[in-house]
Amino acid sequence: TTSQDSSAKNVVCVGAVYHQNTSSLGDDQWENHGSGSTPAQGPTDD
């Protein structure tokens, strides 16, 4: 589901994780299981 612009080989494609509004990295996660949208993920088609 990455955008075609970000799927270019030389582009630095930037994804994201939820930091849960805390200073700890230990509770970070890719998907917010409560509410909110979800970052795109790879891989590319090739």
ModelCIF file with pLDDT and N, C-alpha, C, O atoms, coordinates in Angstrom:
data_MODEL
#
_entry.id   MODEL 
#
_entity.id                         1 
_entity.type                       polymer 
_entity.pdbx_number_of_molecules   1 
#
_entity_poly.entity_id                      1 
_entity_poly.type                           'polypeptide(L)' 
_entity_poly.nstd_linkage                   no 
_entity_poly.nstd_monomer                   no 
_entity_poly.pdbx_seq_one_letter_code       TTSQDSSAKNVVCVGAVYHQNTSSLGDDQWENHGSGSTPAQGPTDD 
_entity_poly.pdbx_seq_one_letter_code_can   TTSQDSSAKNVVCVGAVYHQNTSSLGDDQWENHGSGSTPAQGPTDD 
_entity_poly.pdbx_strand_id                 A 
#
loop_
_entity_poly_seq.entity_id 
_entity_poly_seq.num 
_entity_poly_seq.mon_id 
_entity_poly_seq.hetero 
1 1  THR n 
1 2  THR n 
1 3  SER n 
1 4  GLN n 
1 5  ASP n 
1 6  SER n 
1 7  SER n 
1 8  ALA n 
1 9  LYS n 
1 10 ASN n 
1 11 VAL n 
1 12 VAL n 
1 13 CYS n 
1 14 VAL n 
1 15 GLY n 
1 16 ALA n 
1 17 VAL n 
1 18 TYR n 
1 19 HIS n 
1 20 GLN n 
1 21 ASN n 
1 22 THR n 
1 23 SER n 
1 24 SER n 
1 25 LEU n 
1 26 GLY n 
1 27 ASP n 
1 28 ASP n 
1 29 GLN n 
1 30 TRP n 
1 31 GLU n 
1 32 ASN n 
1 33 HIS n 
1 34 GLY n 
1 35 SER n 
1 36 GLY n 
1 37 SER n 
1 38 THR n 
1 39 PRO n 
1 40 ALA n 
1 41 GLN n 
1 42 GLY n 
1 43 PRO n 
1 44 THR n 
1 45 ASP n 
1 46 ASP n 
#
_struct_asym.id          A 
_struct_asym.entity_id   1 
#
loop_
_ma_qa_metric.id 
_ma_qa_metric.mode 
_ma_qa_metric.name 
_ma_qa_metric.software_group_id 
_ma_qa_metric.type 
1 global pLDDT . pLDDT 
2 local  pLDDT . pLDDT 
#
_ma_qa_metric_global.metric_id      1 
_ma_qa_metric_global.metric_value   88.83 
_ma_qa_metric_global.model_id       1 
_ma_qa_metric_global.ordinal_id     1 
#
loop_
_ma_qa_metric_local.label_asym_id 
_ma_qa_metric_local.label_comp_id 
_ma_qa_metric_local.label_seq_id 
_ma_qa_metric_local.metric_id 
_ma_qa_metric_local.metric_value 
_ma_qa_metric_local.model_id 
_ma_qa_metric_local.ordinal_id 
A THR 1  2 90.00 1 1  
A THR 2  2 92.00 1 2  
A SER 3  2 91.00 1 3  
A GLN 4  2 92.00 1 4  
A ASP 5  2 93.00 1 5  
A SER 6  2 94.00 1 6  
A SER 7  2 94.00 1 7  
A ALA 8  2 95.00 1 8  
A LYS 9  2 96.00 1 9  
A ASN 10 2 97.00 1 10 
A VAL 11 2 97.00 1 11 
A VAL 12 2 98.00 1 12 
A CYS 13 2 97.00 1 13 
A VAL 14 2 97.00 1 14 
A GLY 15 2 96.00 1 15 
A ALA 16 2 95.00 1 16 
A VAL 17 2 94.00 1 17 
A TYR 18 2 92.00 1 18 
A HIS 19 2 92.00 1 19 
A GLN 20 2 88.00 1 20 
A ASN 21 2 88.00 1 21 
A THR 22 2 90.00 1 22 
A SER 23 2 90.00 1 23 
A SER 24 2 93.00 1 24 
A LEU 25 2 93.00 1 25 
A GLY 26 2 92.00 1 26 
A ASP 27 2 91.00 1 27 
A ASP 28 2 91.00 1 28 
A GLN 29 2 90.00 1 29 
A TRP 30 2 90.00 1 30 
A GLU 31 2 81.00 1 31 
A ASN 32 2 69.00 1 32 
A HIS 33 2 61.00 1 33 
A GLY 34 2 57.00 1 34 
A SER 35 2 57.00 1 35 
A GLY 36 2 63.00 1 36 
A SER 37 2 82.00 1 37 
A THR 38 2 87.00 1 38 
A PRO 39 2 92.00 1 39 
A ALA 40 2 92.00 1 40 
A GLN 41 2 93.00 1 41 
A GLY 42 2 93.00 1 42 
A PRO 43 2 93.00 1 43 
A THR 44 2 94.00 1 44 
A ASP 45 2 92.00 1 45 
A ASP 46 2 92.00 1 46 
#
loop_
_atom_site.group_PDB 
_atom_site.id 
_atom_site.type_symbol 
_atom_site.label_atom_id 
_atom_site.label_alt_id 
_atom_site.label_comp_id 
_atom_site.label_asym_id 
_atom_site.label_entity_id 
_atom_site.label_seq_id 
_atom_site.pdbx_PDB_ins_code 
_atom_site.Cartn_x 
_atom_site.Cartn_y 
_atom_site.Cartn_z 
_atom_site.occupancy 
_atom_site.B_iso_or_equiv 
_atom_site.pdbx_formal_charge 
_atom_site.auth_seq_id 
_atom_site.auth_comp_id 
_atom_site.auth_asym_id 
_atom_site.auth_atom_id 
_atom_site.pdbx_PDB_model_num 
ATOM 1   N N  . THR A 1 1  ? 0.805  -1.219 0.000  1.00 90.00 ? 1  THR A N  1 
ATOM 2   C CA . THR A 1 1  ? 0.000  0.000  0.000  1.00 90.00 ? 1  THR A CA 1 
ATOM 3   C C  . THR A 1 1  ? 0.841  1.273  0.000  1.00 90.00 ? 1  THR A C  1 
ATOM 4   O O  . THR A 1 1  ? 0.290  2.357  0.194  1.00 90.00 ? 1  THR A O  1 
ATOM 5   N N  . THR A 1 2  ? 2.153  1.184  -0.210 1.00 92.00 ? 2  THR A N  1 
ATOM 6   C CA . THR A 1 2  ? 2.954  2.405  -0.291 1.00 92.00 ? 2  THR A CA 1 
ATOM 7   C C  . THR A 1 2  ? 2.615  3.150  -1.575 1.00 92.00 ? 2  THR A C  1 
ATOM 8   O O  . THR A 1 2  ? 2.252  2.545  -2.583 1.00 92.00 ? 2  THR A O  1 
ATOM 9   N N  . SER A 1 3  ? 2.737  4.462  -1.521 1.00 91.00 ? 3  SER A N  1 
ATOM 10  C CA . SER A 1 3  ? 2.428  5.277  -2.684 1.00 91.00 ? 3  SER A CA 1 
ATOM 11  C C  . SER A 1 3  ? 3.442  5.027  -3.793 1.00 91.00 ? 3  SER A C  1 
ATOM 12  O O  . SER A 1 3  ? 4.568  4.608  -3.525 1.00 91.00 ? 3  SER A O  1 
ATOM 13  N N  . GLN A 1 4  ? 3.048  5.281  -5.034 1.00 92.00 ? 4  GLN A N  1 
ATOM 14  C CA . GLN A 1 4  ? 3.947  5.060  -6.160 1.00 92.00 ? 4  GLN A CA 1 
ATOM 15  C C  . GLN A 1 4  ? 5.148  5.999  -6.120 1.00 92.00 ? 4  GLN A C  1 
ATOM 16  O O  . GLN A 1 4  ? 6.231  5.632  -6.576 1.00 92.00 ? 4  GLN A O  1 
ATOM 17  N N  . ASP A 1 5  ? 4.973  7.203  -5.583 1.00 93.00 ? 5  ASP A N  1 
ATOM 18  C CA . ASP A 1 5  ? 6.114  8.110  -5.423 1.00 93.00 ? 5  ASP A CA 1 
ATOM 19  C C  . ASP A 1 5  ? 7.141  7.525  -4.461 1.00 93.00 ? 5  ASP A C  1 
ATOM 20  O O  . ASP A 1 5  ? 8.342  7.553  -4.728 1.00 93.00 ? 5  ASP A O  1 
ATOM 21  N N  . SER A 1 6  ? 6.655  6.991  -3.333 1.00 94.00 ? 6  SER A N  1 
ATOM 22  C CA . SER A 1 6  ? 7.577  6.475  -2.320 1.00 94.00 ? 6  SER A CA 1 
ATOM 23  C C  . SER A 1 6  ? 8.127  5.100  -2.674 1.00 94.00 ? 6  SER A C  1 
ATOM 24  O O  . SER A 1 6  ? 9.089  4.648  -2.054 1.00 94.00 ? 6  SER A O  1 
ATOM 25  N N  . SER A 1 7  ? 7.531  4.421  -3.665 1.00 94.00 ? 7  SER A N  1 
ATOM 26  C CA . SER A 1 7  ? 8.008  3.104  -4.079 1.00 94.00 ? 7  SER A CA 1 
ATOM 27  C C  . SER A 1 7  ? 9.218  3.175  -5.013 1.00 94.00 ? 7  SER A C  1 
ATOM 28  O O  . SER A 1 7  ? 9.767  2.139  -5.388 1.00 94.00 ? 7  SER A O  1 
ATOM 29  N N  . ALA A 1 8  ? 9.628  4.364  -5.384 1.00 95.00 ? 8  ALA A N  1 
ATOM 30  C CA . ALA A 1 8  ? 10.831 4.516  -6.203 1.00 95.00 ? 8  ALA A CA 1 
ATOM 31  C C  . ALA A 1 8  ? 12.046 3.960  -5.465 1.00 95.00 ? 8  ALA A C  1 
ATOM 32  O O  . ALA A 1 8  ? 12.101 4.005  -4.236 1.00 95.00 ? 8  ALA A O  1 
ATOM 33  N N  . LYS A 1 9  ? 13.004 3.445  -6.200 1.00 96.00 ? 9  LYS A N  1 
ATOM 34  C CA . LYS A 1 9  ? 14.178 2.790  -5.592 1.00 96.00 ? 9  LYS A CA 1 
ATOM 35  C C  . LYS A 1 9  ? 15.032 3.763  -4.800 1.00 96.00 ? 9  LYS A C  1 
ATOM 36  O O  . LYS A 1 9  ? 15.507 3.433  -3.713 1.00 96.00 ? 9  LYS A O  1 
ATOM 37  N N  . ASN A 1 10 ? 15.228 4.955  -5.334 1.00 97.00 ? 10 ASN A N  1 
ATOM 38  C CA . ASN A 1 10 ? 16.163 5.905  -4.728 1.00 97.00 ? 10 ASN A CA 1 
ATOM 39  C C  . ASN A 1 10 ? 15.516 6.807  -3.687 1.00 97.00 ? 10 ASN A C  1 
ATOM 40  O O  . ASN A 1 10 ? 16.211 7.435  -2.888 1.00 97.00 ? 10 ASN A O  1 
ATOM 41  N N  . VAL A 1 11 ? 14.199 6.874  -3.694 1.00 97.00 ? 11 VAL A N  1 
ATOM 42  C CA . VAL A 1 11 ? 13.472 7.664  -2.700 1.00 97.00 ? 11 VAL A CA 1 
ATOM 43  C C  . VAL A 1 11 ? 13.589 7.000  -1.330 1.00 97.00 ? 11 VAL A C  1 
ATOM 44  O O  . VAL A 1 11 ? 13.531 5.775  -1.224 1.00 97.00 ? 11 VAL A O  1 
ATOM 45  N N  . VAL A 1 12 ? 13.752 7.806  -0.287 1.00 98.00 ? 12 VAL A N  1 
ATOM 46  C CA . VAL A 1 12 ? 13.641 7.289  1.078  1.00 98.00 ? 12 VAL A CA 1 
ATOM 47  C C  . VAL A 1 12 ? 12.171 7.301  1.439  1.00 98.00 ? 12 VAL A C  1 
ATOM 48  O O  . VAL A 1 12 ? 11.597 8.353  1.719  1.00 98.00 ? 12 VAL A O  1 
ATOM 49  N N  . CYS A 1 13 ? 11.568 6.125  1.430  1.00 97.00 ? 13 CYS A N  1 
ATOM 50  C CA . CYS A 1 13 ? 10.151 5.963  1.764  1.00 97.00 ? 13 CYS A CA 1 
ATOM 51  C C  . CYS A 1 13 ? 10.013 5.939  3.288  1.00 97.00 ? 13 CYS A C  1 
ATOM 52  O O  . CYS A 1 13 ? 10.631 5.111  3.956  1.00 97.00 ? 13 CYS A O  1 
ATOM 53  N N  . VAL A 1 14 ? 9.211  6.839  3.828  1.00 97.00 ? 14 VAL A N  1 
ATOM 54  C CA . VAL A 1 14 ? 9.094  6.994  5.283  1.00 97.00 ? 14 VAL A CA 1 
ATOM 55  C C  . VAL A 1 14 ? 7.762  6.430  5.775  1.00 97.00 ? 14 VAL A C  1 
ATOM 56  O O  . VAL A 1 14 ? 6.694  6.940  5.436  1.00 97.00 ? 14 VAL A O  1 
ATOM 57  N N  . GLY A 1 15 ? 7.843  5.378  6.572  1.00 96.00 ? 15 GLY A N  1 
ATOM 58  C CA . GLY A 1 15 ? 6.681  4.824  7.253  1.00 96.00 ? 15 GLY A CA 1 
ATOM 59  C C  . GLY A 1 15 ? 6.565  5.430  8.639  1.00 96.00 ? 15 GLY A C  1 
ATOM 60  O O  . GLY A 1 15 ? 7.193  6.447  8.932  1.00 96.00 ? 15 GLY A O  1 
ATOM 61  N N  . ALA A 1 16 ? 5.758  4.805  9.496  1.00 95.00 ? 16 ALA A N  1 
ATOM 62  C CA . ALA A 1 16 ? 5.545  5.409  10.814 1.00 95.00 ? 16 ALA A CA 1 
ATOM 63  C C  . ALA A 1 16 ? 5.061  4.375  11.824 1.00 95.00 ? 16 ALA A C  1 
ATOM 64  O O  . ALA A 1 16 ? 4.521  3.327  11.468 1.00 95.00 ? 16 ALA A O  1 
ATOM 65  N N  . VAL A 1 17 ? 5.275  4.706  13.091 1.00 94.00 ? 17 VAL A N  1 
ATOM 66  C CA . VAL A 1 17 ? 4.740  3.923  14.206 1.00 94.00 ? 17 VAL A CA 1 
ATOM 67  C C  . VAL A 1 17 ? 4.091  4.889  15.199 1.00 94.00 ? 17 VAL A C  1 
ATOM 68  O O  . VAL A 1 17 ? 4.454  6.063  15.273 1.00 94.00 ? 17 VAL A O  1 
ATOM 69  N N  . TYR A 1 18 ? 3.131  4.375  15.952 1.00 92.00 ? 18 TYR A N  1 
ATOM 70  C CA . TYR A 1 18 ? 2.492  5.153  17.016 1.00 92.00 ? 18 TYR A CA 1 
ATOM 71  C C  . TYR A 1 18 ? 3.391  5.159  18.255 1.00 92.00 ? 18 TYR A C  1 
ATOM 72  O O  . TYR A 1 18 ? 3.808  4.099  18.721 1.00 92.00 ? 18 TYR A O  1 
ATOM 73  N N  . HIS A 1 19 ? 3.693  6.345  18.789 1.00 92.00 ? 19 HIS A N  1 
ATOM 74  C CA . HIS A 1 19 ? 4.492  6.413  20.016 1.00 92.00 ? 19 HIS A CA 1 
ATOM 75  C C  . HIS A 1 19 ? 3.622  6.447  21.269 1.00 92.00 ? 19 HIS A C  1 
ATOM 76  O O  . HIS A 1 19 ? 4.139  6.448  22.386 1.00 92.00 ? 19 HIS A O  1 
ATOM 77  N N  . GLN A 1 20 ? 2.307  6.474  21.084 1.00 88.00 ? 20 GLN A N  1 
ATOM 78  C CA . GLN A 1 20 ? 1.334  6.411  22.187 1.00 88.00 ? 20 GLN A CA 1 
ATOM 79  C C  . GLN A 1 20 ? 1.441  7.588  23.146 1.00 88.00 ? 20 GLN A C  1 
ATOM 80  O O  . GLN A 1 20 ? 0.926  7.535  24.263 1.00 88.00 ? 20 GLN A O  1 
ATOM 81  N N  . ASN A 1 21 ? 2.116  8.661  22.705 1.00 88.00 ? 21 ASN A N  1 
ATOM 82  C CA . ASN A 1 21 ? 2.261  9.871  23.524 1.00 88.00 ? 21 ASN A CA 1 
ATOM 83  C C  . ASN A 1 21 ? 3.012  9.612  24.830 1.00 88.00 ? 21 ASN A C  1 
ATOM 84  O O  . ASN A 1 21 ? 2.716  10.221 25.858 1.00 88.00 ? 21 ASN A O  1 
ATOM 85  N N  . THR A 1 22 ? 3.989  8.699  24.776 1.00 90.00 ? 22 THR A N  1 
ATOM 86  C CA . THR A 1 22 ? 4.868  8.450  25.928 1.00 90.00 ? 22 THR A CA 1 
ATOM 87  C C  . THR A 1 22 ? 6.313  8.590  25.468 1.00 90.00 ? 22 THR A C  1 
ATOM 88  O O  . THR A 1 22 ? 6.599  8.562  24.271 1.00 90.00 ? 22 THR A O  1 
ATOM 89  N N  . SER A 1 23 ? 7.218  8.740  26.426 1.00 90.00 ? 23 SER A N  1 
ATOM 90  C CA . SER A 1 23 ? 8.643  8.873  26.099 1.00 90.00 ? 23 SER A CA 1 
ATOM 91  C C  . SER A 1 23 ? 9.321  7.523  25.925 1.00 90.00 ? 23 SER A C  1 
ATOM 92  O O  . SER A 1 23 ? 10.483 7.462  25.523 1.00 90.00 ? 23 SER A O  1 
ATOM 93  N N  . SER A 1 24 ? 8.616  6.446  26.222 1.00 93.00 ? 24 SER A N  1 
ATOM 94  C CA . SER A 1 24 ? 9.182  5.103  26.116 1.00 93.00 ? 24 SER A CA 1 
ATOM 95  C C  . SER A 1 24 ? 9.013  4.548  24.707 1.00 93.00 ? 24 SER A C  1 
ATOM 96  O O  . SER A 1 24 ? 7.959  4.703  24.091 1.00 93.00 ? 24 SER A O  1 
ATOM 97  N N  . LEU A 1 25 ? 10.061 3.902  24.205 1.00 93.00 ? 25 LEU A N  1 
ATOM 98  C CA . LEU A 1 25 ? 9.954  3.214  22.921 1.00 93.00 ? 25 LEU A CA 1 
ATOM 99  C C  . LEU A 1 25 ? 9.313  1.842  23.081 1.00 93.00 ? 25 LEU A C  1 
ATOM 100 O O  . LEU A 1 25 ? 8.915  1.217  22.098 1.00 93.00 ? 25 LEU A O  1 
ATOM 101 N N  . GLY A 1 26 ? 9.215  1.376  24.319 1.00 92.00 ? 26 GLY A N  1 
ATOM 102 C CA . GLY A 1 26 ? 8.744  0.026  24.578 1.00 92.00 ? 26 GLY A CA 1 
ATOM 103 C C  . GLY A 1 26 ? 7.285  -0.206 24.245 1.00 92.00 ? 26 GLY A C  1 
ATOM 104 O O  . GLY A 1 26 ? 6.884  -1.346 24.010 1.00 92.00 ? 26 GLY A O  1 
ATOM 105 N N  . ASP A 1 27 ? 6.468  0.861  24.218 1.00 91.00 ? 27 ASP A N  1 
ATOM 106 C CA . ASP A 1 27 ? 5.052  0.667  23.917 1.00 91.00 ? 27 ASP A CA 1 
ATOM 107 C C  . ASP A 1 27 ? 4.696  1.137  22.500 1.00 91.00 ? 27 ASP A C  1 
ATOM 108 O O  . ASP A 1 27 ? 3.519  1.183  22.142 1.00 91.00 ? 27 ASP A O  1 
ATOM 109 N N  . ASP A 1 28 ? 5.696  1.481  21.702 1.00 91.00 ? 28 ASP A N  1 
ATOM 110 C CA . ASP A 1 28 ? 5.436  1.888  20.326 1.00 91.00 ? 28 ASP A CA 1 
ATOM 111 C C  . ASP A 1 28 ? 4.921  0.699  19.518 1.00 91.00 ? 28 ASP A C  1 
ATOM 112 O O  . ASP A 1 28 ? 5.321  -0.440 19.756 1.00 91.00 ? 28 ASP A O  1 
ATOM 113 N N  . GLN A 1 29 ? 4.046  0.966  18.578 1.00 90.00 ? 29 GLN A N  1 
ATOM 114 C CA . GLN A 1 29 ? 3.551  -0.093 17.705 1.00 90.00 ? 29 GLN A CA 1 
ATOM 115 C C  . GLN A 1 29 ? 3.099  0.503  16.383 1.00 90.00 ? 29 GLN A C  1 
ATOM 116 O O  . GLN A 1 29 ? 2.746  1.679  16.298 1.00 90.00 ? 29 GLN A O  1 
ATOM 117 N N  . TRP A 1 30 ? 3.117  -0.321 15.368 1.00 90.00 ? 30 TRP A N  1 
ATOM 118 C CA . TRP A 1 30 ? 2.787  0.156  14.025 1.00 90.00 ? 30 TRP A CA 1 
ATOM 119 C C  . TRP A 1 30 ? 1.309  0.495  13.886 1.00 90.00 ? 30 TRP A C  1 
ATOM 120 O O  . TRP A 1 30 ? 0.957  1.505  13.277 1.00 90.00 ? 30 TRP A O  1 
ATOM 121 N N  . GLU A 1 31 ? 0.458  -0.332 14.439 1.00 81.00 ? 31 GLU A N  1 
ATOM 122 C CA . GLU A 1 31 ? -0.980 -0.139 14.280 1.00 81.00 ? 31 GLU A CA 1 
ATOM 123 C C  . GLU A 1 31 ? -1.607 0.302  15.591 1.00 81.00 ? 31 GLU A C  1 
ATOM 124 O O  . GLU A 1 31 ? -1.367 -0.300 16.638 1.00 81.00 ? 31 GLU A O  1 
ATOM 125 N N  . ASN A 1 32 ? -2.406 1.351  15.530 1.00 69.00 ? 32 ASN A N  1 
ATOM 126 C CA . ASN A 1 32 ? -3.155 1.793  16.697 1.00 69.00 ? 32 ASN A CA 1 
ATOM 127 C C  . ASN A 1 32 ? -4.406 0.921  16.802 1.00 69.00 ? 32 ASN A C  1 
ATOM 128 O O  . ASN A 1 32 ? -5.326 1.054  15.996 1.00 69.00 ? 32 ASN A O  1 
ATOM 129 N N  . HIS A 1 33 ? -4.439 0.044  17.778 1.00 61.00 ? 33 HIS A N  1 
ATOM 130 C CA . HIS A 1 33 ? -5.539 -0.904 17.887 1.00 61.00 ? 33 HIS A CA 1 
ATOM 131 C C  . HIS A 1 33 ? -6.805 -0.276 18.477 1.00 61.00 ? 33 HIS A C  1 
ATOM 132 O O  . HIS A 1 33 ? -7.836 -0.939 18.594 1.00 61.00 ? 33 HIS A O  1 
ATOM 133 N N  . GLY A 1 34 ? -6.723 0.988  18.843 1.00 57.00 ? 34 GLY A N  1 
ATOM 134 C CA . GLY A 1 34 ? -7.902 1.665  19.346 1.00 57.00 ? 34 GLY A CA 1 
ATOM 135 C C  . GLY A 1 34 ? -8.627 2.383  18.229 1.00 57.00 ? 34 GLY A C  1 
ATOM 136 O O  . GLY A 1 34 ? -9.657 1.913  17.745 1.00 57.00 ? 34 GLY A O  1 
ATOM 137 N N  . SER A 1 35 ? -8.091 3.522  17.818 1.00 57.00 ? 35 SER A N  1 
ATOM 138 C CA . SER A 1 35 ? -8.715 4.295  16.752 1.00 57.00 ? 35 SER A CA 1 
ATOM 139 C C  . SER A 1 35 ? -7.627 4.989  15.952 1.00 57.00 ? 35 SER A C  1 
ATOM 140 O O  . SER A 1 35 ? -6.453 4.971  16.320 1.00 57.00 ? 35 SER A O  1 
ATOM 141 N N  . GLY A 1 36 ? -8.034 5.590  14.872 1.00 63.00 ? 36 GLY A N  1 
ATOM 142 C CA . GLY A 1 36 ? -7.076 6.314  14.043 1.00 63.00 ? 36 GLY A CA 1 
ATOM 143 C C  . GLY A 1 36 ? -6.711 5.525  12.799 1.00 63.00 ? 36 GLY A C  1 
ATOM 144 O O  . GLY A 1 36 ? -7.026 4.341  12.685 1.00 63.00 ? 36 GLY A O  1 
ATOM 145 N N  . SER A 1 37 ? -6.044 6.193  11.867 1.00 82.00 ? 37 SER A N  1 
ATOM 146 C CA . SER A 1 37 ? -5.657 5.555  10.620 1.00 82.00 ? 37 SER A CA 1 
ATOM 147 C C  . SER A 1 37 ? -4.379 4.745  10.816 1.00 82.00 ? 37 SER A C  1 
ATOM 148 O O  . SER A 1 37 ? -3.772 4.772  11.886 1.00 82.00 ? 37 SER A O  1 
ATOM 149 N N  . THR A 1 38 ? -3.986 4.035  9.786  1.00 87.00 ? 38 THR A N  1 
ATOM 150 C CA . THR A 1 38 ? -2.855 3.123  9.877  1.00 87.00 ? 38 THR A CA 1 
ATOM 151 C C  . THR A 1 38 ? -1.837 3.448  8.781  1.00 87.00 ? 38 THR A C  1 
ATOM 152 O O  . THR A 1 38 ? -2.234 3.669  7.637  1.00 87.00 ? 38 THR A O  1 
ATOM 153 N N  . PRO A 1 39 ? -0.543 3.484  9.094  1.00 92.00 ? 39 PRO A N  1 
ATOM 154 C CA . PRO A 1 39 ? 0.458  3.773  8.073  1.00 92.00 ? 39 PRO A CA 1 
ATOM 155 C C  . PRO A 1 39 ? 0.458  2.712  6.972  1.00 92.00 ? 39 PRO A C  1 
ATOM 156 O O  . PRO A 1 39 ? 0.126  1.553  7.223  1.00 92.00 ? 39 PRO A O  1 
ATOM 157 N N  . ALA A 1 40 ? 0.824  3.102  5.777  1.00 92.00 ? 40 ALA A N  1 
ATOM 158 C CA . ALA A 1 40 ? 0.971  2.159  4.675  1.00 92.00 ? 40 ALA A CA 1 
ATOM 159 C C  . ALA A 1 40 ? 2.138  1.219  4.951  1.00 92.00 ? 40 ALA A C  1 
ATOM 160 O O  . ALA A 1 40 ? 3.004  1.517  5.775  1.00 92.00 ? 40 ALA A O  1 
ATOM 161 N N  . GLN A 1 41 ? 2.155  0.091  4.262  1.00 93.00 ? 41 GLN A N  1 
ATOM 162 C CA . GLN A 1 41 ? 3.239  -0.873 4.425  1.00 93.00 ? 41 GLN A CA 1 
ATOM 163 C C  . GLN A 1 41 ? 3.611  -1.497 3.086  1.00 93.00 ? 41 GLN A C  1 
ATOM 164 O O  . GLN A 1 41 ? 2.829  -1.485 2.136  1.00 93.00 ? 41 GLN A O  1 
ATOM 165 N N  . GLY A 1 42 ? 4.813  -2.038 3.036  1.00 93.00 ? 42 GLY A N  1 
ATOM 166 C CA . GLY A 1 42 ? 5.285  -2.721 1.844  1.00 93.00 ? 42 GLY A CA 1 
ATOM 167 C C  . GLY A 1 42 ? 4.891  -4.177 1.855  1.00 93.00 ? 42 GLY A C  1 
ATOM 168 O O  . GLY A 1 42 ? 4.010  -4.585 2.611  1.00 93.00 ? 42 GLY A O  1 
ATOM 169 N N  . PRO A 1 43 ? 5.546  -4.970 1.012  1.00 93.00 ? 43 PRO A N  1 
ATOM 170 C CA . PRO A 1 43 ? 6.633  -4.586 0.125  1.00 93.00 ? 43 PRO A CA 1 
ATOM 171 C C  . PRO A 1 43 ? 6.115  -3.924 -1.150 1.00 93.00 ? 43 PRO A C  1 
ATOM 172 O O  . PRO A 1 43 ? 4.906  -3.774 -1.332 1.00 93.00 ? 43 PRO A O  1 
ATOM 173 N N  . THR A 1 44 ? 7.035  -3.528 -2.031 1.00 94.00 ? 44 THR A N  1 
ATOM 174 C CA . THR A 1 44 ? 6.623  -3.071 -3.345 1.00 94.00 ? 44 THR A CA 1 
ATOM 175 C C  . THR A 1 44 ? 6.165  -4.276 -4.166 1.00 94.00 ? 44 THR A C  1 
ATOM 176 O O  . THR A 1 44 ? 6.369  -5.424 -3.771 1.00 94.00 ? 44 THR A O  1 
ATOM 177 N N  . ASP A 1 45 ? 5.556  -4.005 -5.286 1.00 92.00 ? 45 ASP A N  1 
ATOM 178 C CA . ASP A 1 45 ? 5.054  -5.099 -6.114 1.00 92.00 ? 45 ASP A CA 1 
ATOM 179 C C  . ASP A 1 45 ? 6.163  -6.028 -6.602 1.00 92.00 ? 45 ASP A C  1 
ATOM 180 O O  . ASP A 1 45 ? 5.925  -7.213 -6.833 1.00 92.00 ? 45 ASP A O  1 
ATOM 181 N N  . ASP A 1 46 ? 7.372  -5.491 -6.760 1.00 92.00 ? 46 ASP A N  1 
ATOM 182 C CA . ASP A 1 46 ? 8.475  -6.348 -7.220 1.00 92.00 ? 46 ASP A CA 1 
ATOM 183 C C  . ASP A 1 46 ? 9.310  -6.890 -6.058 1.00 92.00 ? 46 ASP A C  1 
ATOM 184 O O  . ASP A 1 46 ? 10.273 -7.625 -6.279 1.00 92.00 ? 46 ASP A O  1 
#
